[in-house]
Amino acid sequence: MSKARWLVARHRCDHRAKSDPEVLDHVHRQQAPTRHPTDHDTVGAHWYLVDDALTCYTGTPKAKSVETANWGVIVLDFVTRLLFVTLICTAASAMGRSVTSLGRIEPHNGVYQVAGPSDASVVSTLRVEEGQRVNRGEILATLDTHGLRTAELKRAEVELNLARKVLVRQLALKQTSATSVARLEEAERDVLVREAELLAAQESLSLTQVAAPVSGQILLIHAREGERIGPSGLLELGQTQQMYVVAEVYETDIALVRVGQSVTVSSPALTGPITGKVERIGKIIGKNDILDLDPVARMDSRVVEVFILLDSSEAVSSLTYLQVDVEIHN
């Protein structure tokens, strides 16, 4: 490259740099020499290439040279590689990070709201206390209608026995043709009616006692002796022998949660972290029920419930509904 051509290229770059700050910054990034090099055919060609690149950068009409075309290919290749590396790093970061959320401690299958019969009844005898463990089918309480329903059952049993005796007598008379077919059919029908009444009386009597639907622990009693059973039922029962954490995971993070992942649960109320594993992932997206203590936290987040089986249920068996911090490890 001749010295005159080098000077023209240098002058054009300086002129563009003065008129456009962005071009000035672009020129500085080229790290061009400030003096004319001794070897015009090699190092001295730098300012010519810079001028050519600036022509493409500023949009100045000029015939595309081989150097300009190569510059565009290099830039395009660099941008493509940068985007690829960015996507790979983002995906790796998402796959490696843990999912955090709030959660609550619950017994297996939640808390049972044990209710009495459909009619408003008064508790006559309460046979359990809070914290007591009961077995499935065990009687928890007896209602005030128990005495009346017992009497009705005895009456139905007596009437059924009488109806059966009449039927036996009619069958004996039929052998000697001393009775009519109509009387025999009436005795048979009477027996069937008394049997149905007995079944109804037995069912009514069973409704006067409240039995435990599952084996578990009495968590809270709503109605005691002499009190009427209200909308909250008689008591709350939980299978605390197997405790879970129900984590409310944001819908945007649920794709990172899988069955079998290890979980760490912590709370100031616990002596230390408790571990567990994801057992089941909910199928419905709803609003969060657990409110964060942070005043600026979102109160209407869309979440999915994730059910986590704890490795140690005994440590939290008496802490139903305790709010905890959950970290699901990836």
C-alpha atoms as a PDB file:
ATOM      1  CA  MET A   1       0.000   0.000   0.000  1.00  0.00           C
ATOM      2  CA  SER A   2       1.359   3.450  -0.925  1.00  0.00           C
ATOM      3  CA  LYS A   3       1.810   6.153   1.681  1.00  0.00           C
ATOM      4  CA  ALA A   4      -0.672   8.389  -0.153  1.00  0.00           C
ATOM      5  CA  ARG A   5      -3.370   5.714  -0.047  1.00  0.00           C
ATOM      6  CA  TRP A   6      -2.638   5.120   3.638  1.00  0.00           C
ATOM      7  CA  LEU A   7      -3.021   8.831   4.393  1.00  0.00           C
ATOM      8  CA  VAL A   8      -6.334   9.026   2.506  1.00  0.00           C
ATOM      9  CA  ALA A   9      -7.736   6.076   4.484  1.00  0.00           C
ATOM     10  CA  ARG A  10      -6.486   7.548   7.756  1.00  0.00           C
ATOM     11  CA  HIS A  11      -8.025  10.940   6.914  1.00  0.00           C
ATOM     12  CA  ARG A  12     -11.417   9.423   6.041  1.00  0.00           C
ATOM     13  CA  CYS A  13     -11.492   7.494   9.350  1.00  0.00           C
ATOM     14  CA  ASP A  14     -10.598  10.589  11.359  1.00  0.00           C
ATOM     15  CA  HIS A  15     -13.278  12.636   9.575  1.00  0.00           C
ATOM     16  CA  ARG A  16     -16.003  10.067  10.282  1.00  0.00           C
ATOM     17  CA  ALA A  17     -14.894   9.708  13.892  1.00  0.00           C
ATOM     18  CA  LYS A  18     -15.225  13.444  14.481  1.00  0.00           C
ATOM     19  CA  SER A  19     -18.719  13.605  12.970  1.00  0.00           C
ATOM     20  CA  ASP A  20     -20.142  10.507  14.672  1.00  0.00           C
ATOM     21  CA  PRO A  21     -19.290   9.474  18.303  1.00  0.00           C
ATOM     22  CA  GLU A  22     -20.333   5.883  17.621  1.00  0.00           C
ATOM     23  CA  VAL A  23     -17.850   5.699  14.776  1.00  0.00           C
ATOM     24  CA  LEU A  24     -15.165   7.136  17.087  1.00  0.00           C
ATOM     25  CA  ASP A  25     -15.783   4.322  19.541  1.00  0.00           C
ATOM     26  CA  HIS A  26     -15.696   1.818  16.682  1.00  0.00           C
ATOM     27  CA  VAL A  27     -12.350   3.175  15.498  1.00  0.00           C
ATOM     28  CA  HIS A  28     -10.844   2.966  18.976  1.00  0.00           C
ATOM     29  CA  ARG A  29     -11.872  -0.655  19.195  1.00  0.00           C
ATOM     30  CA  GLN A  30      -9.885  -1.392  16.041  1.00  0.00           C
ATOM     31  CA  GLN A  31      -6.697  -0.347  17.893  1.00  0.00           C
ATOM     32  CA  ALA A  32      -5.295   1.182  14.690  1.00  0.00           C
ATOM     33  CA  PRO A  33      -1.740   2.586  14.576  1.00  0.00           C
ATOM     34  CA  THR A  34      -1.360   6.370  14.928  1.00  0.00           C
ATOM     35  CA  ARG A  35       1.613   6.657  12.611  1.00  0.00           C
ATOM     36  CA  HIS A  36       2.453   5.415   9.154  1.00  0.00           C
ATOM     37  CA  PRO A  37       4.083   1.974   9.375  1.00  0.00           C
ATOM     38  CA  THR A  38       7.209   1.145   7.554  1.00  0.00           C
ATOM     39  CA  ASP A  39       5.724  -1.842   5.771  1.00  0.00           C
ATOM     40  CA  HIS A  40       2.889  -0.339   3.712  1.00  0.00           C
ATOM     41  CA  ASP A  41       1.850  -3.649   2.145  1.00  0.00           C
ATOM     42  CA  THR A  42       1.204  -5.458   5.473  1.00  0.00           C
ATOM     43  CA  VAL A  43       0.673  -3.410   8.634  1.00  0.00           C
ATOM     44  CA  GLY A  44      -0.122  -0.237   6.741  1.00  0.00           C
ATOM     45  CA  ALA A  45      -3.181  -1.921   5.191  1.00  0.00           C
ATOM     46  CA  HIS A  46      -4.884  -1.770   8.617  1.00  0.00           C
ATOM     47  CA  TRP A  47      -6.308   1.720   8.119  1.00  0.00           C
ATOM     48  CA  TYR A  48      -7.614   0.744   4.724  1.00  0.00           C
ATOM     49  CA  LEU A  49      -9.474  -2.210   6.288  1.00  0.00           C
ATOM     50  CA  VAL A  50     -10.762   0.028   9.085  1.00  0.00           C
ATOM     51  CA  ASP A  51     -12.017   2.491   6.488  1.00  0.00           C
ATOM     52  CA  ASP A  52     -13.656  -0.349   4.628  1.00  0.00           C
ATOM     53  CA  ALA A  53     -15.327  -1.645   7.825  1.00  0.00           C
ATOM     54  CA  LEU A  54     -16.544   1.839   8.717  1.00  0.00           C
ATOM     55  CA  THR A  55     -18.033   2.181   5.265  1.00  0.00           C
ATOM     56  CA  CYS A  56     -20.125  -0.955   5.975  1.00  0.00           C
ATOM     57  CA  TYR A  57     -20.787   0.185   9.589  1.00  0.00           C
ATOM     58  CA  THR A  58     -22.046   3.705   8.696  1.00  0.00           C
ATOM     59  CA  GLY A  59     -23.880   2.702   5.568  1.00  0.00           C
ATOM     60  CA  THR A  60     -21.758   4.879   3.231  1.00  0.00           C
ATOM     61  CA  PRO A  61     -22.253   3.694  -0.340  1.00  0.00           C
ATOM     62  CA  LYS A  62     -19.177   1.872  -1.531  1.00  0.00           C
ATOM     63  CA  ALA A  63     -18.416  -1.143  -3.613  1.00  0.00           C
ATOM     64  CA  LYS A  64     -18.096  -4.201  -1.424  1.00  0.00           C
ATOM     65  CA  SER A  65     -14.540  -5.421  -1.326  1.00  0.00           C
ATOM     66  CA  VAL A  66     -13.296  -8.853  -0.396  1.00  0.00           C
ATOM     67  CA  GLU A  67     -12.174  -7.542   2.988  1.00  0.00           C
ATOM     68  CA  THR A  68     -15.688  -6.172   3.774  1.00  0.00           C
ATOM     69  CA  ALA A  69     -17.330  -9.453   2.860  1.00  0.00           C
ATOM     70  CA  ASN A  70     -14.902 -11.357   5.076  1.00  0.00           C
ATOM     71  CA  TRP A  71     -15.591  -8.916   7.932  1.00  0.00           C
ATOM     72  CA  GLY A  72     -19.341  -9.564   7.705  1.00  0.00           C
ATOM     73  CA  VAL A  73     -18.828 -13.319   7.719  1.00  0.00           C
ATOM     74  CA  ILE A  74     -16.594 -13.099  10.783  1.00  0.00           C
ATOM     75  CA  VAL A  75     -19.117 -10.948  12.682  1.00  0.00           C
ATOM     76  CA  LEU A  76     -22.001 -13.253  11.761  1.00  0.00           C
ATOM     77  CA  ASP A  77     -20.050 -16.316  12.837  1.00  0.00           C
ATOM     78  CA  PHE A  78     -19.103 -14.671  16.134  1.00  0.00           C
ATOM     79  CA  VAL A  79     -22.712 -13.683  16.929  1.00  0.00           C
ATOM     80  CA  THR A  80     -23.963 -17.189  16.098  1.00  0.00           C
ATOM     81  CA  ARG A  81     -21.399 -18.814  18.384  1.00  0.00           C
ATOM     82  CA  LEU A  82     -22.189 -16.344  21.170  1.00  0.00           C
ATOM     83  CA  LEU A  83     -25.921 -17.085  20.996  1.00  0.00           C
ATOM     84  CA  PHE A  84     -25.282 -20.829  21.013  1.00  0.00           C
ATOM     85  CA  VAL A  85     -23.036 -20.635  24.075  1.00  0.00           C
ATOM     86  CA  THR A  86     -25.583 -18.404  25.844  1.00  0.00           C
ATOM     87  CA  LEU A  87     -28.405 -20.902  25.231  1.00  0.00           C
ATOM     88  CA  ILE A  88     -26.279 -23.809  26.457  1.00  0.00           C
ATOM     89  CA  CYS A  89     -25.308 -21.944  29.628  1.00  0.00           C
ATOM     90  CA  THR A  90     -28.899 -20.938  30.305  1.00  0.00           C
ATOM     91  CA  ALA A  91     -30.160 -24.509  29.893  1.00  0.00           C
ATOM     92  CA  ALA A  92     -27.414 -25.912  32.101  1.00  0.00           C
ATOM     93  CA  SER A  93     -28.128 -23.331  34.766  1.00  0.00           C
ATOM     94  CA  ALA A  94     -31.864 -24.139  34.734  1.00  0.00           C
ATOM     95  CA  MET A  95     -31.191 -27.881  34.970  1.00  0.00           C
ATOM     96  CA  GLY A  96     -28.808 -27.497  37.864  1.00  0.00           C
ATOM     97  CA  ARG A  97     -30.681 -25.086  40.108  1.00  0.00           C
ATOM     98  CA  SER A  98     -32.949 -26.058  42.992  1.00  0.00           C
ATOM     99  CA  VAL A  99     -36.626 -25.148  43.280  1.00  0.00           C
ATOM    100  CA  THR A 100     -37.662 -23.296  46.431  1.00  0.00           C
ATOM    101  CA  SER A 101     -41.175 -22.659  47.712  1.00  0.00           C
ATOM    102  CA  LEU A 102     -43.339 -22.423  50.796  1.00  0.00           C
ATOM    103  CA  GLY A 103     -45.157 -25.461  52.150  1.00  0.00           C
ATOM    104  CA  ARG A 104     -47.304 -26.779  54.986  1.00  0.00           C
ATOM    105  CA  ILE A 105     -47.073 -29.959  57.032  1.00  0.00           C
ATOM    106  CA  GLU A 106     -50.063 -32.319  56.811  1.00  0.00           C
ATOM    107  CA  PRO A 107     -50.857 -35.929  57.759  1.00  0.00           C
ATOM    108  CA  HIS A 108     -51.313 -38.563  55.078  1.00  0.00           C
ATOM    109  CA  ASN A 109     -54.400 -37.688  52.972  1.00  0.00           C
ATOM    110  CA  GLY A 110     -54.831 -34.447  54.893  1.00  0.00           C
ATOM    111  CA  VAL A 111     -57.025 -33.805  57.931  1.00  0.00           C
ATOM    112  CA  TYR A 112     -60.386 -35.596  58.259  1.00  0.00           C
ATOM    113  CA  GLN A 113     -63.327 -33.447  59.360  1.00  0.00           C
ATOM    114  CA  VAL A 114     -65.286 -36.143  61.224  1.00  0.00           C
ATOM    115  CA  ALA A 115     -68.965 -35.187  61.272  1.00  0.00           C
ATOM    116  CA  GLY A 116     -72.062 -36.676  62.879  1.00  0.00           C
ATOM    117  CA  PRO A 117     -75.387 -37.536  61.214  1.00  0.00           C
ATOM    118  CA  SER A 118     -77.076 -35.164  58.793  1.00  0.00           C
ATOM    119  CA  ASP A 119     -79.523 -33.891  61.414  1.00  0.00           C
ATOM    120  CA  ALA A 120     -78.339 -31.505  64.127  1.00  0.00           C
ATOM    121  CA  SER A 121     -77.479 -33.724  67.085  1.00  0.00           C
ATOM    122  CA  VAL A 122     -76.154 -33.113  70.572  1.00  0.00           C
ATOM    123  CA  VAL A 123     -73.158 -35.015  71.925  1.00  0.00           C
ATOM    124  CA  SER A 124     -74.210 -37.246  74.816  1.00  0.00           C
ATOM    125  CA  THR A 125     -70.901 -39.012  75.506  1.00  0.00           C
ATOM    126  CA  LEU A 126     -67.452 -38.092  74.180  1.00  0.00           C
ATOM    127  CA  ARG A 127     -65.057 -41.018  74.388  1.00  0.00           C
ATOM    128  CA  VAL A 128     -61.793 -39.475  73.169  1.00  0.00           C
ATOM    129  CA  GLU A 129     -59.468 -36.561  73.938  1.00  0.00           C
ATOM    130  CA  GLU A 130     -57.124 -34.469  71.822  1.00  0.00           C
ATOM    131  CA  GLY A 131     -53.869 -36.257  71.077  1.00  0.00           C
ATOM    132  CA  GLN A 132     -55.379 -39.708  71.614  1.00  0.00           C
ATOM    133  CA  ARG A 133     -54.755 -42.372  68.982  1.00  0.00           C
ATOM    134  CA  VAL A 134     -57.705 -44.394  67.724  1.00  0.00           C
ATOM    135  CA  ASN A 135     -58.250 -47.322  65.398  1.00  0.00           C
ATOM    136  CA  ARG A 136     -60.542 -47.469  62.413  1.00  0.00           C
ATOM    137  CA  GLY A 137     -64.138 -48.202  63.457  1.00  0.00           C
ATOM    138  CA  GLU A 138     -63.591 -47.202  67.079  1.00  0.00           C
ATOM    139  CA  ILE A 139     -66.518 -45.281  68.623  1.00  0.00           C
ATOM    140  CA  LEU A 140     -65.596 -41.623  69.172  1.00  0.00           C
ATOM    141  CA  ALA A 141     -68.864 -40.251  70.576  1.00  0.00           C
ATOM    142  CA  THR A 142     -72.496 -41.164  71.310  1.00  0.00           C
ATOM    143  CA  LEU A 143     -75.343 -38.773  70.508  1.00  0.00           C
ATOM    144  CA  ASP A 144     -78.404 -37.905  72.591  1.00  0.00           C
ATOM    145  CA  THR A 145     -80.756 -39.865  70.296  1.00  0.00           C
ATOM    146  CA  HIS A 146     -79.054 -43.152  71.103  1.00  0.00           C
ATOM    147  CA  GLY A 147     -81.608 -44.201  73.789  1.00  0.00           C
ATOM    148  CA  LEU A 148     -84.625 -43.497  71.583  1.00  0.00           C
ATOM    149  CA  ARG A 149     -83.194 -45.363  68.600  1.00  0.00           C
ATOM    150  CA  THR A 150     -82.341 -48.358  70.849  1.00  0.00           C
ATOM    151  CA  ALA A 151     -85.970 -48.605  72.000  1.00  0.00           C
ATOM    152  CA  GLU A 152     -87.203 -48.439  68.416  1.00  0.00           C
ATOM    153  CA  LEU A 153     -84.875 -51.284  67.498  1.00  0.00           C
ATOM    154  CA  LYS A 154     -86.209 -53.510  70.290  1.00  0.00           C
ATOM    155  CA  ARG A 155     -89.786 -52.815  69.227  1.00  0.00           C
ATOM    156  CA  ALA A 156     -88.970 -53.763  65.630  1.00  0.00           C
ATOM    157  CA  GLU A 157     -87.396 -57.012  66.811  1.00  0.00           C
ATOM    158  CA  VAL A 158     -90.517 -57.921  68.857  1.00  0.00           C
ATOM    159  CA  GLU A 159     -92.874 -57.174  65.981  1.00  0.00           C
ATOM    160  CA  LEU A 160     -90.796 -59.276  63.627  1.00  0.00           C
ATOM    161  CA  ASN A 161     -90.875 -62.256  66.004  1.00  0.00           C
ATOM    162  CA  LEU A 162     -94.677 -62.034  66.249  1.00  0.00           C
ATOM    163  CA  ALA A 163     -95.036 -61.837  62.478  1.00  0.00           C
ATOM    164  CA  ARG A 164     -92.889 -64.920  62.050  1.00  0.00           C
ATOM    165  CA  LYS A 165     -95.037 -66.892  64.569  1.00  0.00           C
ATOM    166  CA  VAL A 166     -98.176 -65.962  62.667  1.00  0.00           C
ATOM    167  CA  LEU A 167     -96.592 -67.138  59.433  1.00  0.00           C
ATOM    168  CA  VAL A 168     -95.646 -70.491  60.988  1.00  0.00           C
ATOM    169  CA  ARG A 169     -99.217 -70.985  62.247  1.00  0.00           C
ATOM    170  CA  GLN A 170    -100.671 -70.187  58.795  1.00  0.00           C
ATOM    171  CA  LEU A 171     -98.346 -72.670  57.138  1.00  0.00           C
ATOM    172  CA  ALA A 172     -99.504 -75.386  59.566  1.00  0.00           C
ATOM    173  CA  LEU A 173    -103.164 -74.619  58.852  1.00  0.00           C
ATOM    174  CA  LYS A 174    -102.517 -74.825  55.139  1.00  0.00           C
ATOM    175  CA  GLN A 175    -101.561 -78.480  55.515  1.00  0.00           C
ATOM    176  CA  THR A 176    -105.104 -79.239  56.815  1.00  0.00           C
ATOM    177  CA  SER A 177    -106.790 -76.745  54.438  1.00  0.00           C
ATOM    178  CA  ALA A 178    -108.013 -74.818  57.474  1.00  0.00           C
ATOM    179  CA  THR A 179    -106.821 -71.448  56.146  1.00  0.00           C
ATOM    180  CA  SER A 180    -107.169 -69.526  52.937  1.00  0.00           C
ATOM    181  CA  VAL A 181    -104.437 -68.578  50.485  1.00  0.00           C
ATOM    182  CA  ALA A 182    -105.133 -64.903  51.156  1.00  0.00           C
ATOM    183  CA  ARG A 183    -104.381 -65.213  54.885  1.00  0.00           C
ATOM    184  CA  LEU A 184    -101.149 -67.062  54.150  1.00  0.00           C
ATOM    185  CA  GLU A 185     -99.991 -64.376  51.715  1.00  0.00           C
ATOM    186  CA  GLU A 186    -100.873 -61.673  54.229  1.00  0.00           C
ATOM    187  CA  ALA A 187     -98.727 -63.368  56.904  1.00  0.00           C
ATOM    188  CA  GLU A 188     -95.791 -63.649  54.506  1.00  0.00           C
ATOM    189  CA  ARG A 189     -96.100 -59.978  53.538  1.00  0.00           C
ATOM    190  CA  ASP A 190     -96.234 -58.969  57.191  1.00  0.00           C
ATOM    191  CA  VAL A 191     -92.963 -60.755  57.880  1.00  0.00           C
ATOM    192  CA  LEU A 192     -91.241 -58.946  55.019  1.00  0.00           C
ATOM    193  CA  VAL A 193     -92.469 -55.557  56.267  1.00  0.00           C
ATOM    194  CA  ARG A 194     -91.247 -56.246  59.821  1.00  0.00           C
ATOM    195  CA  GLU A 195     -87.843 -57.296  58.520  1.00  0.00           C
ATOM    196  CA  ALA A 196     -87.518 -54.018  56.606  1.00  0.00           C
ATOM    197  CA  GLU A 197     -88.517 -52.065  59.707  1.00  0.00           C
ATOM    198  CA  LEU A 198     -85.888 -53.884  61.719  1.00  0.00           C
ATOM    199  CA  LEU A 199     -83.192 -52.945  59.197  1.00  0.00           C
ATOM    200  CA  ALA A 200     -84.307 -49.312  59.318  1.00  0.00           C
ATOM    201  CA  ALA A 201     -84.163 -49.337  63.122  1.00  0.00           C
ATOM    202  CA  GLN A 202     -80.660 -50.812  63.095  1.00  0.00           C
ATOM    203  CA  GLU A 203     -79.490 -48.136  60.658  1.00  0.00           C
ATOM    204  CA  SER A 204     -81.007 -45.368  62.761  1.00  0.00           C
ATOM    205  CA  LEU A 205     -79.250 -46.703  65.840  1.00  0.00           C
ATOM    206  CA  SER A 206     -75.875 -46.771  64.078  1.00  0.00           C
ATOM    207  CA  LEU A 207     -76.260 -43.059  63.265  1.00  0.00           C
ATOM    208  CA  THR A 208     -76.327 -42.224  66.942  1.00  0.00           C
ATOM    209  CA  GLN A 209     -72.663 -43.176  67.285  1.00  0.00           C
ATOM    210  CA  VAL A 210     -69.706 -41.567  65.510  1.00  0.00           C
ATOM    211  CA  ALA A 211     -66.921 -43.968  64.520  1.00  0.00           C
ATOM    212  CA  ALA A 212     -63.367 -43.260  63.349  1.00  0.00           C
ATOM    213  CA  PRO A 213     -63.106 -43.512  59.530  1.00  0.00           C
ATOM    214  CA  VAL A 214     -59.359 -44.291  59.676  1.00  0.00           C
ATOM    215  CA  SER A 215     -56.703 -45.088  62.227  1.00  0.00           C
ATOM    216  CA  GLY A 216     -55.000 -41.925  63.416  1.00  0.00           C
ATOM    217  CA  GLN A 217     -54.690 -39.241  66.059  1.00  0.00           C
ATOM    218  CA  ILE A 218     -57.316 -36.812  67.387  1.00  0.00           C
ATOM    219  CA  LEU A 219     -56.058 -33.341  66.427  1.00  0.00           C
ATOM    220  CA  LEU A 220     -58.900 -31.046  67.503  1.00  0.00           C
ATOM    221  CA  ILE A 221     -62.349 -31.455  69.098  1.00  0.00           C
ATOM    222  CA  HIS A 222     -65.103 -29.062  67.995  1.00  0.00           C
ATOM    223  CA  ALA A 223     -68.065 -30.334  70.039  1.00  0.00           C
ATOM    224  CA  ARG A 224     -67.987 -31.791  73.538  1.00  0.00           C
ATOM    225  CA  GLU A 225     -70.637 -33.350  75.768  1.00  0.00           C
ATOM    226  CA  GLY A 226     -73.834 -31.330  75.762  1.00  0.00           C
ATOM    227  CA  GLU A 227     -72.852 -29.333  72.666  1.00  0.00           C
ATOM    228  CA  ARG A 228     -74.527 -29.496  69.274  1.00  0.00           C
ATOM    229  CA  ILE A 229     -72.442 -30.617  66.302  1.00  0.00           C
ATOM    230  CA  GLY A 230     -71.982 -27.659  63.961  1.00  0.00           C
ATOM    231  CA  PRO A 231     -70.698 -27.148  60.409  1.00  0.00           C
ATOM    232  CA  SER A 232     -67.122 -27.907  61.512  1.00  0.00           C
ATOM    233  CA  GLY A 233     -68.131 -31.418  62.567  1.00  0.00           C
ATOM    234  CA  LEU A 234     -67.375 -33.286  65.745  1.00  0.00           C
ATOM    235  CA  LEU A 235     -63.569 -33.357  65.571  1.00  0.00           C
ATOM    236  CA  GLU A 236     -60.517 -33.419  63.290  1.00  0.00           C
ATOM    237  CA  LEU A 237     -58.555 -36.625  62.782  1.00  0.00           C
ATOM    238  CA  GLY A 238     -55.218 -37.174  61.040  1.00  0.00           C
ATOM    239  CA  GLN A 239     -53.006 -40.123  60.129  1.00  0.00           C
ATOM    240  CA  THR A 240     -49.971 -38.588  61.813  1.00  0.00           C
ATOM    241  CA  GLN A 241     -48.027 -41.827  61.661  1.00  0.00           C
ATOM    242  CA  GLN A 242     -47.145 -40.728  58.121  1.00  0.00           C
ATOM    243  CA  MET A 243     -46.535 -37.004  57.634  1.00  0.00           C
ATOM    244  CA  TYR A 244     -46.215 -35.042  54.402  1.00  0.00           C
ATOM    245  CA  VAL A 245     -45.273 -31.561  53.263  1.00  0.00           C
ATOM    246  CA  VAL A 246     -47.509 -29.955  50.656  1.00  0.00           C
ATOM    247  CA  ALA A 247     -45.292 -27.515  48.735  1.00  0.00           C
ATOM    248  CA  GLU A 248     -46.839 -24.773  46.601  1.00  0.00           C
ATOM    249  CA  VAL A 249     -44.511 -24.570  43.594  1.00  0.00           C
ATOM    250  CA  TYR A 250     -44.862 -21.751  41.071  1.00  0.00           C
ATOM    251  CA  GLU A 251     -46.267 -22.902  37.750  1.00  0.00           C
ATOM    252  CA  THR A 252     -43.134 -21.589  36.005  1.00  0.00           C
ATOM    253  CA  ASP A 253     -40.935 -23.929  38.086  1.00  0.00           C
ATOM    254  CA  ILE A 254     -43.085 -27.068  38.030  1.00  0.00           C
ATOM    255  CA  ALA A 255     -41.267 -28.397  34.928  1.00  0.00           C
ATOM    256  CA  LEU A 256     -38.135 -28.763  37.070  1.00  0.00           C
ATOM    257  CA  VAL A 257     -39.891 -30.999  39.633  1.00  0.00           C
ATOM    258  CA  ARG A 258     -39.992 -34.781  39.231  1.00  0.00           C
ATOM    259  CA  VAL A 259     -41.181 -37.685  41.368  1.00  0.00           C
ATOM    260  CA  GLY A 260     -38.347 -39.093  43.472  1.00  0.00           C
ATOM    261  CA  GLN A 261     -36.352 -35.864  43.871  1.00  0.00           C
ATOM    262  CA  SER A 262     -34.788 -35.277  47.280  1.00  0.00           C
ATOM    263  CA  VAL A 263     -36.171 -32.408  49.372  1.00  0.00           C
ATOM    264  CA  THR A 264     -34.970 -30.410  52.371  1.00  0.00           C
ATOM    265  CA  VAL A 265     -37.569 -28.865  54.704  1.00  0.00           C
ATOM    266  CA  SER A 266     -36.683 -26.200  57.268  1.00  0.00           C
ATOM    267  CA  SER A 267     -38.445 -23.930  59.748  1.00  0.00           C
ATOM    268  CA  PRO A 268     -37.514 -21.975  62.896  1.00  0.00           C
ATOM    269  CA  ALA A 269     -39.954 -24.235  64.774  1.00  0.00           C
ATOM    270  CA  LEU A 270     -37.901 -27.329  63.920  1.00  0.00           C
ATOM    271  CA  THR A 271     -34.711 -28.402  65.657  1.00  0.00           C
ATOM    272  CA  GLY A 272     -33.075 -28.891  62.268  1.00  0.00           C
ATOM    273  CA  PRO A 273     -33.729 -29.575  58.585  1.00  0.00           C
ATOM    274  CA  ILE A 274     -35.844 -32.586  57.651  1.00  0.00           C
ATOM    275  CA  THR A 275     -35.390 -34.542  54.453  1.00  0.00           C
ATOM    276  CA  GLY A 276     -37.926 -36.209  52.220  1.00  0.00           C
ATOM    277  CA  LYS A 277     -38.767 -37.160  48.643  1.00  0.00           C
ATOM    278  CA  VAL A 278     -41.317 -36.000  46.102  1.00  0.00           C
ATOM    279  CA  GLU A 279     -44.067 -38.626  46.004  1.00  0.00           C
ATOM    280  CA  ARG A 280     -46.773 -36.982  43.916  1.00  0.00           C
ATOM    281  CA  ILE A 281     -47.292 -33.842  41.815  1.00  0.00           C
ATOM    282  CA  GLY A 282     -50.715 -32.213  41.667  1.00  0.00           C
ATOM    283  CA  LYS A 283     -52.664 -31.969  38.418  1.00  0.00           C
ATOM    284  CA  ILE A 284     -54.431 -28.648  39.035  1.00  0.00           C
ATOM    285  CA  ILE A 285     -52.994 -25.139  38.996  1.00  0.00           C
ATOM    286  CA  GLY A 286     -54.556 -22.862  41.604  1.00  0.00           C
ATOM    287  CA  LYS A 287     -53.834 -19.861  43.782  1.00  0.00           C
ATOM    288  CA  ASN A 288     -51.478 -20.096  46.722  1.00  0.00           C
ATOM    289  CA  ASP A 289     -52.999 -20.699  50.169  1.00  0.00           C
ATOM    290  CA  ILE A 290     -49.795 -20.089  52.147  1.00  0.00           C
ATOM    291  CA  LEU A 291     -48.992 -16.398  52.625  1.00  0.00           C
ATOM    292  CA  ASP A 292     -45.390 -15.238  52.830  1.00  0.00           C
ATOM    293  CA  LEU A 293     -44.356 -12.995  55.723  1.00  0.00           C
ATOM    294  CA  ASP A 294     -42.672 -10.707  53.202  1.00  0.00           C
ATOM    295  CA  PRO A 295     -45.034  -7.700  52.751  1.00  0.00           C
ATOM    296  CA  VAL A 296     -44.046  -7.308  49.092  1.00  0.00           C
ATOM    297  CA  ALA A 297     -44.502 -10.983  48.214  1.00  0.00           C
ATOM    298  CA  ARG A 298     -47.123 -11.945  45.656  1.00  0.00           C
ATOM    299  CA  MET A 299     -50.412 -12.968  47.228  1.00  0.00           C
ATOM    300  CA  ASP A 300     -52.158 -14.355  44.148  1.00  0.00           C
ATOM    301  CA  SER A 301     -49.497 -16.597  42.627  1.00  0.00           C
ATOM    302  CA  ARG A 302     -50.506 -19.543  40.480  1.00  0.00           C
ATOM    303  CA  VAL A 303     -49.038 -22.689  42.000  1.00  0.00           C
ATOM    304  CA  VAL A 304     -49.084 -26.477  41.777  1.00  0.00           C
ATOM    305  CA  GLU A 305     -49.203 -28.598  44.931  1.00  0.00           C
ATOM    306  CA  VAL A 306     -46.313 -31.055  45.298  1.00  0.00           C
ATOM    307  CA  PHE A 307     -46.694 -33.804  47.924  1.00  0.00           C
ATOM    308  CA  ILE A 308     -43.480 -34.716  49.739  1.00  0.00           C
ATOM    309  CA  LEU A 309     -43.184 -37.770  52.009  1.00  0.00           C
ATOM    310  CA  LEU A 310     -40.959 -36.979  54.988  1.00  0.00           C
ATOM    311  CA  ASP A 311     -38.271 -39.401  56.113  1.00  0.00           C
ATOM    312  CA  SER A 312     -38.985 -38.652  59.796  1.00  0.00           C
ATOM    313  CA  SER A 313     -42.685 -38.250  60.602  1.00  0.00           C
ATOM    314  CA  GLU A 314     -42.335 -38.457  64.370  1.00  0.00           C
ATOM    315  CA  ALA A 315     -40.508 -35.110  64.589  1.00  0.00           C
ATOM    316  CA  VAL A 316     -43.462 -33.211  63.070  1.00  0.00           C
ATOM    317  CA  SER A 317     -46.447 -35.396  64.042  1.00  0.00           C
ATOM    318  CA  SER A 318     -47.713 -32.666  66.388  1.00  0.00           C
ATOM    319  CA  LEU A 319     -47.089 -29.762  63.980  1.00  0.00           C
ATOM    320  CA  THR A 320     -49.915 -30.086  61.479  1.00  0.00           C
ATOM    321  CA  TYR A 321     -50.272 -27.020  59.208  1.00  0.00           C
ATOM    322  CA  LEU A 322     -46.845 -25.663  60.208  1.00  0.00           C
ATOM    323  CA  GLN A 323     -45.499 -23.371  57.476  1.00  0.00           C
ATOM    324  CA  VAL A 324     -42.081 -24.474  56.230  1.00  0.00           C
ATOM    325  CA  ASP A 325     -39.484 -23.542  53.625  1.00  0.00           C
ATOM    326  CA  VAL A 326     -39.020 -26.199  50.957  1.00  0.00           C
ATOM    327  CA  GLU A 327     -36.008 -26.751  48.705  1.00  0.00           C
ATOM    328  CA  ILE A 328     -36.366 -29.360  45.979  1.00  0.00           C
ATOM    329  CA  HIS A 329     -32.933 -30.452  44.774  1.00  0.00           C
ATOM    330  CA  ASN A 330     -32.320 -31.020  41.097  1.00  0.00           C
END
